[in-house]
Amino acid sequence: MKRTGIRLAAAVAVVAVAVTSLSSCGDSGAASESRSLTYWSMWTENEPQAAVLKSAVADFEKDTGIKVDVQWQGRTVLEKVAPTLITGKVPDLVDHTDDKLYPTLAQPGRARDLSGVLARPATGEKEKLSDTGMQRYMGQLRKSPDGVGTWMIPYEVLSVGLWYNGADKDVKAPATWTTSWTPAPP
């Protein structure tokens, strides 16, 4: 069986949930007011990506003095966040792929505008986050429902393979294989 693959990029991102303490703060973020934040991750604690995130969290805590309570929720993190939205006891930050985050948090207006974060230097850096290499992915992301806000900031780009059976007479091979990625419309 012949298999041909196409790679599509999916951004894993951090989103600030609107009903948390971030809703009461300006561009500086909730952490500067409360000195702590809660982060629910889509990763489980034993995955390699969790090791990377643990290191980043440790550096962030050391550089800022802000305590991060990471909860390793796994791939069902958004299923766990959704019911808490009416309680006000939701995490400050959530990560997942944009195709899951958008309908759950951004589209219904439950994600905070993170534009102010992009205007600030990354922790321990001199350049603004908007001037880093990650900016090339921002134009590929869906806009917030109001069309202006930055509702997510990617921290990782993943690929997804699309496979088909080339021997199947009912399946036609694509005419072109582009390397650009455009997210599905909402």
Foldseek 3Di string as FASTA:
>chain_A
DDKDKAKAKWFKWKFFFCLECQVVDDLVGSCVVVLEFEEEEQAACPDPVNVVVVVVQVVVCVLPVRYYHYDDPHNCVLVVQQVCLVVSPHGRMYIDTQVVCCVRGQAVPGTDFNPSQQQDCDRPDDDGNCPDPQVVCQVQHDAGPVRDGDRIGGDDMDIDIDIDDPVDPVDDDDPDRDNDHHDDDD
